[in-house]
N, C-alpha and C. Protein backbone atom coordinates (compact mmCIF):
# COMPACT_ATOMS: atom_id res chain seq x y z
N MET A 1 26.53 -5.57 -19.34
CA MET A 1 25.04 -5.68 -19.13
C MET A 1 24.61 -6.93 -18.42
N LEU A 2 23.67 -7.06 -17.51
CA LEU A 2 23.62 -8.04 -16.46
C LEU A 2 22.46 -8.92 -17.21
N ALA A 3 22.56 -10.36 -17.23
CA ALA A 3 21.69 -11.29 -17.91
C ALA A 3 20.37 -11.11 -17.26
N PRO A 4 19.01 -11.29 -18.14
CA PRO A 4 17.91 -11.44 -17.33
C PRO A 4 17.64 -12.39 -16.10
N SER A 5 18.54 -13.22 -16.19
CA SER A 5 18.13 -14.22 -14.98
C SER A 5 18.97 -13.75 -13.74
N VAL A 6 19.68 -12.86 -13.73
CA VAL A 6 20.46 -12.18 -12.34
C VAL A 6 19.47 -11.32 -11.78
N LEU A 7 18.40 -10.54 -12.77
CA LEU A 7 17.56 -9.45 -12.38
C LEU A 7 17.00 -9.98 -10.85
N PRO A 8 16.34 -10.98 -10.91
CA PRO A 8 15.57 -11.17 -9.55
C PRO A 8 16.70 -11.54 -8.54
N LEU A 9 17.85 -11.82 -8.85
CA LEU A 9 18.74 -11.68 -7.33
C LEU A 9 18.69 -10.27 -6.69
N PHE A 10 18.87 -9.40 -7.58
CA PHE A 10 18.93 -7.94 -7.05
C PHE A 10 17.62 -7.59 -6.72
N VAL A 11 16.53 -7.83 -7.12
CA VAL A 11 15.26 -7.48 -7.00
C VAL A 11 14.48 -8.09 -5.59
N ALA A 12 14.82 -9.41 -5.70
CA ALA A 12 13.97 -10.05 -4.68
C ALA A 12 14.54 -9.65 -3.16
N PRO A 13 15.87 -9.28 -2.78
CA PRO A 13 15.90 -8.86 -1.46
C PRO A 13 15.18 -7.54 -1.03
N VAL A 14 15.22 -6.71 -2.00
CA VAL A 14 14.65 -5.48 -2.16
C VAL A 14 12.93 -5.58 -1.54
N MET A 15 12.33 -6.63 -2.43
CA MET A 15 11.00 -6.87 -2.28
C MET A 15 10.74 -7.53 -1.07
N VAL A 16 11.61 -8.30 -0.53
CA VAL A 16 11.45 -9.02 0.94
C VAL A 16 11.69 -7.81 1.93
N PHE A 17 12.54 -7.08 1.75
CA PHE A 17 12.63 -6.05 3.05
C PHE A 17 11.26 -5.29 2.61
N ALA A 18 10.63 -4.58 1.51
CA ALA A 18 9.75 -4.01 1.82
C ALA A 18 8.49 -4.63 2.10
N VAL A 19 8.36 -5.97 2.11
CA VAL A 19 7.01 -6.71 2.65
C VAL A 19 7.37 -6.78 4.17
N TYR A 20 8.76 -7.10 4.52
CA TYR A 20 8.86 -7.10 6.05
C TYR A 20 8.49 -5.69 6.56
N ARG A 21 8.95 -4.67 5.93
CA ARG A 21 8.51 -3.64 6.53
C ARG A 21 6.95 -3.07 6.71
N ARG A 22 6.34 -3.80 5.36
CA ARG A 22 5.08 -3.35 5.41
C ARG A 22 3.98 -4.16 6.65
N VAL A 23 4.52 -5.52 6.78
CA VAL A 23 4.04 -6.52 7.82
C VAL A 23 4.41 -6.11 9.02
N ARG A 24 5.54 -5.64 9.39
CA ARG A 24 6.15 -5.13 10.70
C ARG A 24 5.23 -3.85 11.19
N GLY A 25 4.67 -3.23 10.08
CA GLY A 25 3.70 -1.76 10.63
C GLY A 25 2.51 -2.33 10.72
N SER A 26 2.24 -3.40 10.47
CA SER A 26 0.74 -3.85 10.50
C SER A 26 0.41 -4.56 11.86
N PHE A 27 1.52 -4.97 12.54
CA PHE A 27 1.43 -5.66 13.89
C PHE A 27 2.00 -4.97 15.07
N GLY A 28 1.06 -4.88 16.21
CA GLY A 28 1.63 -4.28 17.30
C GLY A 28 1.30 -2.89 17.53
N ARG A 29 1.60 -2.22 18.44
CA ARG A 29 1.56 -0.99 19.13
C ARG A 29 2.50 -0.06 18.14
N GLN A 30 1.98 0.81 17.49
CA GLN A 30 2.78 1.73 16.75
C GLN A 30 2.58 3.05 17.17
N LEU A 31 3.56 4.06 17.33
CA LEU A 31 3.81 5.40 17.71
C LEU A 31 3.36 6.33 16.44
N ILE A 32 2.52 7.10 17.02
CA ILE A 32 1.88 8.06 16.25
C ILE A 32 2.75 8.89 15.84
N ARG A 33 3.47 9.15 14.70
CA ARG A 33 4.31 10.17 14.23
C ARG A 33 3.73 11.12 13.30
N THR A 34 3.05 12.39 13.62
CA THR A 34 2.39 13.15 12.65
C THR A 34 3.25 13.63 11.30
N ARG A 35 4.36 13.84 11.63
CA ARG A 35 5.15 14.22 10.25
C ARG A 35 5.20 13.01 9.30
N ARG A 36 5.93 11.85 9.84
CA ARG A 36 5.84 10.67 9.04
C ARG A 36 4.60 10.31 8.23
N MET A 37 3.67 10.44 9.03
CA MET A 37 2.33 10.08 8.48
C MET A 37 1.65 10.98 7.34
N THR A 38 1.72 12.35 7.71
CA THR A 38 1.50 13.35 6.76
C THR A 38 2.35 13.07 5.51
N ALA A 39 3.69 12.79 5.50
CA ALA A 39 4.31 12.42 4.46
C ALA A 39 3.99 11.18 3.94
N ARG A 40 3.42 10.16 4.25
CA ARG A 40 2.93 9.09 3.84
C ARG A 40 1.61 9.30 3.07
N VAL A 41 0.65 9.88 3.76
CA VAL A 41 -0.50 10.57 3.04
C VAL A 41 -0.21 11.23 1.77
N VAL A 42 0.69 12.20 1.48
CA VAL A 42 1.00 12.96 0.39
C VAL A 42 1.71 11.89 -0.48
N MET A 43 2.60 11.07 0.08
CA MET A 43 2.98 9.96 -1.07
C MET A 43 1.94 9.21 -1.73
N PHE A 44 1.30 8.79 -0.71
CA PHE A 44 0.11 7.97 -1.59
C PHE A 44 -0.82 8.46 -2.42
N ALA A 45 -0.99 9.88 -1.96
CA ALA A 45 -1.99 10.50 -3.01
C ALA A 45 -1.09 10.82 -4.29
N ILE A 46 0.11 11.00 -4.19
CA ILE A 46 0.98 11.24 -5.60
C ILE A 46 0.87 9.86 -6.25
N VAL A 47 1.13 8.77 -5.78
CA VAL A 47 1.05 7.42 -6.08
C VAL A 47 -0.49 7.12 -6.92
N VAL A 48 -1.38 7.63 -6.27
CA VAL A 48 -2.59 7.47 -6.72
C VAL A 48 -2.80 8.24 -7.97
N CYS A 49 -2.21 9.51 -8.03
CA CYS A 49 -2.36 10.25 -9.24
C CYS A 49 -1.25 9.81 -10.47
N LEU A 50 -0.31 9.20 -10.15
CA LEU A 50 0.64 8.48 -11.11
C LEU A 50 -0.24 7.20 -11.59
N MET A 51 -0.97 6.53 -10.76
CA MET A 51 -1.48 5.36 -11.30
C MET A 51 -2.53 6.02 -12.31
N MET A 52 -3.15 6.94 -12.10
CA MET A 52 -4.26 7.43 -12.82
C MET A 52 -3.90 7.86 -14.35
N THR A 53 -2.34 8.17 -14.32
CA THR A 53 -1.75 8.46 -15.69
C THR A 53 -1.71 7.02 -16.52
N SER A 54 -1.81 6.00 -15.82
CA SER A 54 -1.96 4.70 -16.96
C SER A 54 -3.17 4.81 -17.71
N GLY A 55 -4.02 5.85 -17.43
CA GLY A 55 -5.36 5.57 -18.56
C GLY A 55 -4.74 6.32 -19.78
N LEU A 56 -3.61 7.16 -19.73
CA LEU A 56 -3.14 7.44 -21.04
C LEU A 56 -2.90 6.45 -22.04
N GLN A 57 -2.12 5.26 -21.20
CA GLN A 57 -1.91 4.26 -22.01
C GLN A 57 -3.05 3.35 -22.31
N ASP A 58 -4.06 2.86 -21.48
CA ASP A 58 -4.89 2.13 -21.55
C ASP A 58 -6.03 2.78 -20.45
N VAL A 59 -7.32 2.88 -21.05
CA VAL A 59 -8.19 3.49 -19.76
C VAL A 59 -8.59 2.26 -18.81
N ARG A 60 -8.41 1.10 -19.23
CA ARG A 60 -8.67 0.01 -18.40
C ARG A 60 -7.97 0.08 -17.42
N LEU A 61 -6.81 0.28 -17.24
CA LEU A 61 -5.70 0.33 -16.16
C LEU A 61 -6.09 1.23 -15.27
N ALA A 62 -6.59 2.51 -15.87
CA ALA A 62 -6.94 3.56 -14.64
C ALA A 62 -8.21 3.23 -14.18
N GLU A 63 -9.01 2.53 -14.75
CA GLU A 63 -10.36 2.37 -14.16
C GLU A 63 -10.09 1.21 -12.97
N GLY A 64 -9.26 0.29 -13.16
CA GLY A 64 -9.05 -0.74 -12.29
C GLY A 64 -8.21 0.07 -10.76
N ALA A 65 -7.28 0.96 -11.34
CA ALA A 65 -6.46 1.81 -10.12
C ALA A 65 -7.56 2.62 -9.25
N LEU A 66 -8.33 3.26 -10.14
CA LEU A 66 -9.63 4.32 -9.52
C LEU A 66 -10.60 3.33 -8.60
N GLU A 67 -11.14 2.16 -9.16
CA GLU A 67 -11.88 1.43 -8.53
C GLU A 67 -11.19 0.71 -7.45
N GLY A 68 -9.97 0.24 -7.62
CA GLY A 68 -9.24 -0.34 -6.31
C GLY A 68 -9.11 0.77 -5.31
N ALA A 69 -8.60 2.05 -5.68
CA ALA A 69 -8.36 3.05 -4.75
C ALA A 69 -9.56 3.28 -3.92
N VAL A 70 -10.78 3.53 -4.70
CA VAL A 70 -11.94 3.83 -3.91
C VAL A 70 -12.33 2.59 -2.71
N GLY A 71 -12.15 1.55 -3.20
CA GLY A 71 -12.40 0.39 -2.83
C GLY A 71 -11.93 0.16 -1.27
N GLY A 72 -10.55 0.56 -1.38
CA GLY A 72 -9.34 0.64 -0.31
C GLY A 72 -9.96 2.02 0.35
N ALA A 73 -10.11 2.91 0.09
CA ALA A 73 -10.58 3.92 1.04
C ALA A 73 -11.85 3.42 1.71
N THR A 74 -12.69 2.71 1.23
CA THR A 74 -14.08 2.44 1.63
C THR A 74 -13.64 1.61 3.00
N LEU A 75 -12.75 0.54 2.66
CA LEU A 75 -12.40 -0.54 3.36
C LEU A 75 -11.74 0.03 4.60
N ALA A 76 -11.02 1.03 4.38
CA ALA A 76 -10.23 1.68 5.74
C ALA A 76 -11.26 2.38 6.63
N LEU A 77 -12.34 3.08 5.88
CA LEU A 77 -13.13 3.87 6.71
C LEU A 77 -14.18 2.74 7.40
N LEU A 78 -14.52 2.00 6.70
CA LEU A 78 -15.65 1.04 7.32
C LEU A 78 -15.21 -0.08 8.37
N LEU A 79 -13.89 -0.38 8.18
CA LEU A 79 -13.17 -1.35 8.80
C LEU A 79 -12.15 -1.05 9.42
N GLY A 80 -11.16 -0.59 8.72
CA GLY A 80 -9.67 -0.49 9.11
C GLY A 80 -9.70 0.63 10.39
N LEU A 81 -10.18 1.42 10.04
CA LEU A 81 -10.05 2.65 11.53
C LEU A 81 -11.08 2.22 12.48
N ARG A 82 -11.87 1.59 12.44
CA ARG A 82 -12.93 1.08 13.34
C ARG A 82 -12.56 0.24 14.20
N LEU A 83 -11.43 -0.80 13.69
CA LEU A 83 -10.85 -1.94 14.34
C LEU A 83 -9.39 -1.59 15.08
N THR A 84 -9.01 -0.39 14.70
CA THR A 84 -7.73 0.37 15.08
C THR A 84 -8.26 0.74 16.40
N ARG A 85 -7.33 0.31 17.62
CA ARG A 85 -7.41 0.82 18.81
C ARG A 85 -6.46 1.89 19.07
N PHE A 86 -6.84 2.82 19.90
CA PHE A 86 -5.71 3.95 20.20
C PHE A 86 -5.45 3.99 21.64
N GLU A 87 -4.22 4.29 21.91
CA GLU A 87 -3.76 4.38 23.36
C GLU A 87 -2.87 5.22 23.79
N SER A 88 -2.69 5.93 24.88
CA SER A 88 -1.87 6.95 25.49
C SER A 88 -0.91 6.15 26.16
N GLY A 89 0.34 6.65 26.14
CA GLY A 89 1.45 5.94 27.00
C GLY A 89 1.49 6.81 28.31
N ALA A 90 2.44 6.24 29.22
CA ALA A 90 2.50 7.12 30.48
C ALA A 90 3.37 8.43 30.40
N ASP A 91 4.07 8.15 29.24
CA ASP A 91 4.93 9.35 29.02
C ASP A 91 4.02 10.55 28.10
N GLY A 92 3.17 10.30 28.00
CA GLY A 92 2.02 11.39 26.93
C GLY A 92 2.22 11.05 25.59
N ALA A 93 2.87 9.81 25.03
CA ALA A 93 3.10 9.68 23.57
C ALA A 93 1.65 8.92 23.33
N ASP A 94 1.40 8.95 22.17
CA ASP A 94 0.07 8.48 21.57
C ASP A 94 0.18 7.26 20.62
N PHE A 95 -0.41 6.28 20.96
CA PHE A 95 -0.10 4.97 19.89
C PHE A 95 -1.20 4.83 19.40
N TYR A 96 -1.12 3.95 18.16
CA TYR A 96 -2.52 2.98 17.53
C TYR A 96 -1.93 1.54 17.47
N VAL A 97 -2.67 0.80 17.49
CA VAL A 97 -2.77 -0.57 17.48
C VAL A 97 -3.55 -1.10 16.30
N PRO A 98 -3.09 -1.44 14.94
CA PRO A 98 -3.61 -1.52 13.89
C PRO A 98 -4.38 -3.29 13.91
N ASN A 99 -5.27 -3.25 13.39
CA ASN A 99 -5.81 -4.74 13.29
C ASN A 99 -5.09 -5.62 12.29
N PRO A 100 -4.42 -6.31 12.84
CA PRO A 100 -3.41 -7.15 12.38
C PRO A 100 -3.98 -8.09 10.74
N TRP A 101 -5.22 -8.60 10.98
CA TRP A 101 -6.22 -9.08 9.87
C TRP A 101 -6.12 -8.32 8.48
N MET A 102 -6.34 -6.97 8.70
CA MET A 102 -6.59 -5.94 7.87
C MET A 102 -5.16 -5.68 6.94
N GLY A 103 -3.99 -5.24 7.49
CA GLY A 103 -2.99 -5.44 7.06
C GLY A 103 -2.15 -6.65 6.52
N GLY A 104 -2.33 -7.84 7.07
CA GLY A 104 -2.03 -9.25 6.66
C GLY A 104 -2.72 -9.40 5.02
N VAL A 105 -4.07 -9.13 5.33
CA VAL A 105 -4.71 -9.92 4.11
C VAL A 105 -4.48 -8.84 2.65
N LEU A 106 -4.38 -7.43 3.19
CA LEU A 106 -3.81 -6.55 2.03
C LEU A 106 -2.80 -6.82 1.54
N THR A 107 -1.68 -7.15 2.36
CA THR A 107 -0.05 -7.57 1.64
C THR A 107 -0.25 -8.61 1.34
N ALA A 108 -0.81 -9.71 1.96
CA ALA A 108 -0.85 -11.17 0.88
C ALA A 108 -1.28 -10.99 -0.29
N LEU A 109 -2.46 -10.29 -0.55
CA LEU A 109 -3.25 -10.11 -1.60
C LEU A 109 -2.34 -9.20 -2.72
N LEU A 110 -1.61 -8.37 -2.33
CA LEU A 110 -0.63 -7.65 -3.13
C LEU A 110 0.48 -8.48 -3.39
N VAL A 111 1.13 -8.89 -2.53
CA VAL A 111 2.34 -10.00 -3.09
C VAL A 111 2.09 -11.07 -3.71
N GLY A 112 0.88 -11.68 -3.59
CA GLY A 112 0.28 -12.89 -4.22
C GLY A 112 0.16 -12.30 -5.60
N ARG A 113 -0.73 -11.35 -5.82
CA ARG A 113 -0.79 -10.82 -7.27
C ARG A 113 0.38 -10.62 -8.05
N LEU A 114 1.44 -9.67 -7.27
CA LEU A 114 2.71 -9.40 -7.88
C LEU A 114 3.41 -10.68 -8.24
N ALA A 115 3.59 -11.63 -7.42
CA ALA A 115 4.14 -12.65 -7.67
C ALA A 115 3.58 -13.65 -8.90
N TRP A 116 2.25 -13.58 -9.07
CA TRP A 116 1.65 -14.30 -9.98
C TRP A 116 1.84 -13.66 -11.28
N ARG A 117 1.80 -12.30 -11.35
CA ARG A 117 2.46 -11.76 -12.65
C ARG A 117 3.76 -11.75 -13.01
N PHE A 118 4.80 -11.82 -11.87
CA PHE A 118 6.12 -12.06 -12.38
C PHE A 118 6.12 -13.45 -12.90
N LEU A 119 5.76 -14.49 -12.33
CA LEU A 119 5.62 -16.10 -12.57
C LEU A 119 5.10 -15.97 -14.32
N ALA A 120 4.03 -15.20 -14.28
CA ALA A 120 3.50 -15.38 -15.81
C ALA A 120 4.60 -14.70 -16.82
N LEU A 121 5.09 -13.71 -16.26
CA LEU A 121 6.03 -13.15 -17.40
C LEU A 121 7.25 -13.91 -17.34
N MET A 122 7.60 -14.67 -16.53
CA MET A 122 9.01 -15.10 -16.55
C MET A 122 9.28 -15.59 -18.00
N PRO A 123 8.33 -16.83 -18.62
CA PRO A 123 8.54 -17.28 -19.54
C PRO A 123 8.61 -16.43 -21.05
N ALA A 124 7.99 -15.30 -20.84
CA ALA A 124 7.92 -14.41 -21.77
C ALA A 124 9.30 -13.55 -22.23
N LEU A 125 9.87 -13.73 -21.08
CA LEU A 125 11.43 -12.76 -21.29
C LEU A 125 12.51 -13.81 -22.14
N THR A 126 13.02 -13.18 -23.10
CA THR A 126 13.99 -13.74 -24.20
C THR A 126 15.16 -13.55 -23.61
N GLY A 127 16.18 -14.01 -24.41
CA GLY A 127 17.57 -14.23 -23.97
C GLY A 127 18.08 -12.73 -23.58
N ASP A 128 17.63 -11.60 -24.51
CA ASP A 128 17.97 -10.41 -24.45
C ASP A 128 17.38 -9.64 -23.13
N GLY A 129 16.52 -10.07 -22.52
CA GLY A 129 15.54 -9.41 -21.38
C GLY A 129 14.23 -8.55 -21.94
N VAL A 130 13.91 -8.87 -23.18
CA VAL A 130 12.89 -7.98 -23.66
C VAL A 130 11.74 -8.82 -23.65
N VAL A 131 10.51 -8.40 -23.08
CA VAL A 131 9.37 -8.87 -22.88
C VAL A 131 8.67 -8.98 -24.16
N GLN A 132 8.05 -10.38 -24.46
CA GLN A 132 7.11 -10.64 -25.48
C GLN A 132 5.91 -10.28 -25.22
N GLY A 133 5.03 -9.86 -25.96
CA GLY A 133 3.50 -9.80 -25.44
C GLY A 133 3.31 -8.69 -24.45
N PRO A 134 2.23 -8.74 -23.70
CA PRO A 134 1.92 -7.81 -22.97
C PRO A 134 2.81 -7.04 -21.82
N ALA A 135 2.94 -5.59 -21.73
CA ALA A 135 3.65 -5.40 -20.93
C ALA A 135 3.52 -5.72 -19.37
N PRO A 136 4.32 -5.62 -18.74
CA PRO A 136 4.24 -6.08 -17.09
C PRO A 136 2.91 -5.14 -16.52
N GLY A 137 2.77 -4.19 -16.48
CA GLY A 137 1.57 -3.43 -15.71
C GLY A 137 0.40 -3.57 -16.69
N ASN A 138 0.20 -4.07 -17.50
CA ASN A 138 -1.08 -4.20 -18.21
C ASN A 138 -2.11 -5.18 -17.87
N SER A 139 -2.36 -4.83 -16.71
CA SER A 139 -3.55 -5.64 -15.99
C SER A 139 -4.41 -4.96 -15.14
N PRO A 140 -5.46 -4.67 -15.72
CA PRO A 140 -6.58 -3.97 -14.58
C PRO A 140 -6.71 -4.41 -13.23
N LEU A 141 -6.54 -5.76 -13.06
CA LEU A 141 -6.70 -6.48 -11.90
C LEU A 141 -5.63 -6.19 -11.12
N THR A 142 -4.37 -6.21 -11.48
CA THR A 142 -3.06 -5.96 -10.72
C THR A 142 -3.34 -4.31 -10.25
N MET A 143 -3.69 -3.56 -11.40
CA MET A 143 -3.82 -2.04 -11.04
C MET A 143 -4.95 -1.88 -9.95
N ALA A 144 -5.95 -2.81 -9.87
CA ALA A 144 -6.79 -2.67 -8.73
C ALA A 144 -6.23 -3.05 -7.63
N ILE A 145 -5.79 -4.23 -7.63
CA ILE A 145 -5.18 -4.57 -6.42
C ILE A 145 -4.14 -3.47 -5.60
N VAL A 146 -3.41 -3.03 -6.65
CA VAL A 146 -2.33 -1.83 -6.09
C VAL A 146 -3.00 -0.66 -5.52
N GLY A 147 -4.12 -0.42 -6.47
CA GLY A 147 -5.02 0.76 -5.94
C GLY A 147 -5.69 0.46 -4.63
N LEU A 148 -6.31 -0.84 -4.47
CA LEU A 148 -6.83 -1.18 -3.19
C LEU A 148 -6.01 -0.97 -2.13
N THR A 149 -4.56 -1.39 -2.18
CA THR A 149 -3.82 -1.27 -1.20
C THR A 149 -3.44 0.25 -0.94
N VAL A 150 -2.87 1.16 -2.08
CA VAL A 150 -2.69 2.55 -1.99
C VAL A 150 -3.92 3.17 -1.29
N GLY A 151 -4.88 2.95 -1.82
CA GLY A 151 -6.32 3.48 -1.21
C GLY A 151 -6.60 3.47 0.15
N TYR A 152 -6.26 2.21 0.50
CA TYR A 152 -6.67 1.84 1.92
C TYR A 152 -5.64 2.68 2.69
N TYR A 153 -4.36 2.61 2.68
CA TYR A 153 -3.26 3.37 3.53
C TYR A 153 -3.42 4.53 3.36
N LEU A 154 -3.76 5.16 2.35
CA LEU A 154 -3.93 6.56 2.34
C LEU A 154 -5.08 6.96 3.35
N THR A 155 -6.07 6.40 2.94
CA THR A 155 -7.18 6.98 4.00
C THR A 155 -6.71 6.37 5.42
N TYR A 156 -6.51 5.15 5.88
CA TYR A 156 -6.31 5.04 6.78
C TYR A 156 -4.84 6.01 7.70
N TYR A 157 -4.20 6.24 7.26
CA TYR A 157 -3.11 7.17 7.76
C TYR A 157 -3.97 8.45 8.02
N ALA A 158 -4.65 8.88 6.79
CA ALA A 158 -5.32 10.23 6.99
C ALA A 158 -6.30 10.28 8.14
N GLY A 159 -7.08 8.77 8.41
CA GLY A 159 -7.87 8.76 9.40
C GLY A 159 -7.32 8.70 10.76
N ILE A 160 -5.99 8.13 11.22
CA ILE A 160 -5.53 8.31 12.34
C ILE A 160 -5.14 9.90 12.75
N LEU A 161 -4.43 10.27 11.40
CA LEU A 161 -4.28 11.97 11.76
C LEU A 161 -5.31 12.43 12.31
N VAL A 162 -6.49 12.18 11.51
CA VAL A 162 -7.70 13.15 12.07
C VAL A 162 -8.11 12.79 13.46
N HIS A 163 -8.10 11.39 13.85
CA HIS A 163 -8.42 10.92 15.49
C HIS A 163 -7.35 11.49 16.03
N HIS A 164 -6.35 11.32 15.72
CA HIS A 164 -5.27 11.92 16.79
C HIS A 164 -5.49 13.62 17.13
N ARG A 165 -5.78 14.43 16.10
CA ARG A 165 -5.92 15.84 15.96
C ARG A 165 -7.19 15.97 17.15
N ARG A 166 -8.34 15.06 16.99
CA ARG A 166 -9.52 15.10 17.72
C ARG A 166 -8.95 15.00 19.13
N HIS A 167 -8.43 14.08 19.50
CA HIS A 167 -7.87 13.48 20.69
C HIS A 167 -7.00 14.65 21.51
N LYS A 168 -5.97 15.27 20.83
CA LYS A 168 -5.17 16.30 21.24
C LYS A 168 -6.16 17.61 21.78
N ARG A 169 -6.82 18.00 20.96
CA ARG A 169 -8.26 18.88 21.15
C ARG A 169 -9.06 18.42 22.30
N ALA A 170 -9.46 17.54 22.44
CA ALA A 170 -10.14 17.30 23.53
C ALA A 170 -9.44 17.21 24.71
N LEU A 171 -7.97 16.94 25.00
CA LEU A 171 -7.13 17.01 25.78
C LEU A 171 -6.84 18.24 26.53
N GLN A 172 -6.88 19.41 25.48
CA GLN A 172 -6.69 20.98 25.71
C GLN A 172 -7.83 21.42 26.13
N VAL A 173 -9.13 20.93 25.91
CA VAL A 173 -10.53 21.42 26.56
C VAL A 173 -10.53 20.97 28.07
N VAL A 174 -10.23 19.79 28.34
CA VAL A 174 -10.52 19.48 29.41
C VAL A 174 -9.47 20.07 30.61
């Protein structure tokens, strides 16, 4: 069995790669791939449902997740989609250019909160890897920030798909 001090050596590269992918998708011109976006919307909807099951453990966790998801959806509708530019390529491909500030701030907020929780839990680890005290996910604020990010991207990708469908219909009518 691995010592608890070795675990971050395996988790850290995965987390860095995930953050890199998230940040890369927040900058520059992105091709609209309807199947991938539909899969993301479904995946994020499942994540929201799973986050709500945390209410079985503590209702405050579900409240934090729900408030964050609603806040993220509102943020996507009021700012995210309005600040996104849509373009058509010469070959007929459709693109969107997300606002880099929206994705950057959400990513920084999520990574910052998760790093804070990780650093707060490090002293609680005993020699056998058992966490003493509250469990790692038992924070309504953490659940709210995760909910904010998930709710934002769920609504954002769904909004891009709706805009893309309207754009395609308008081209067919003309």
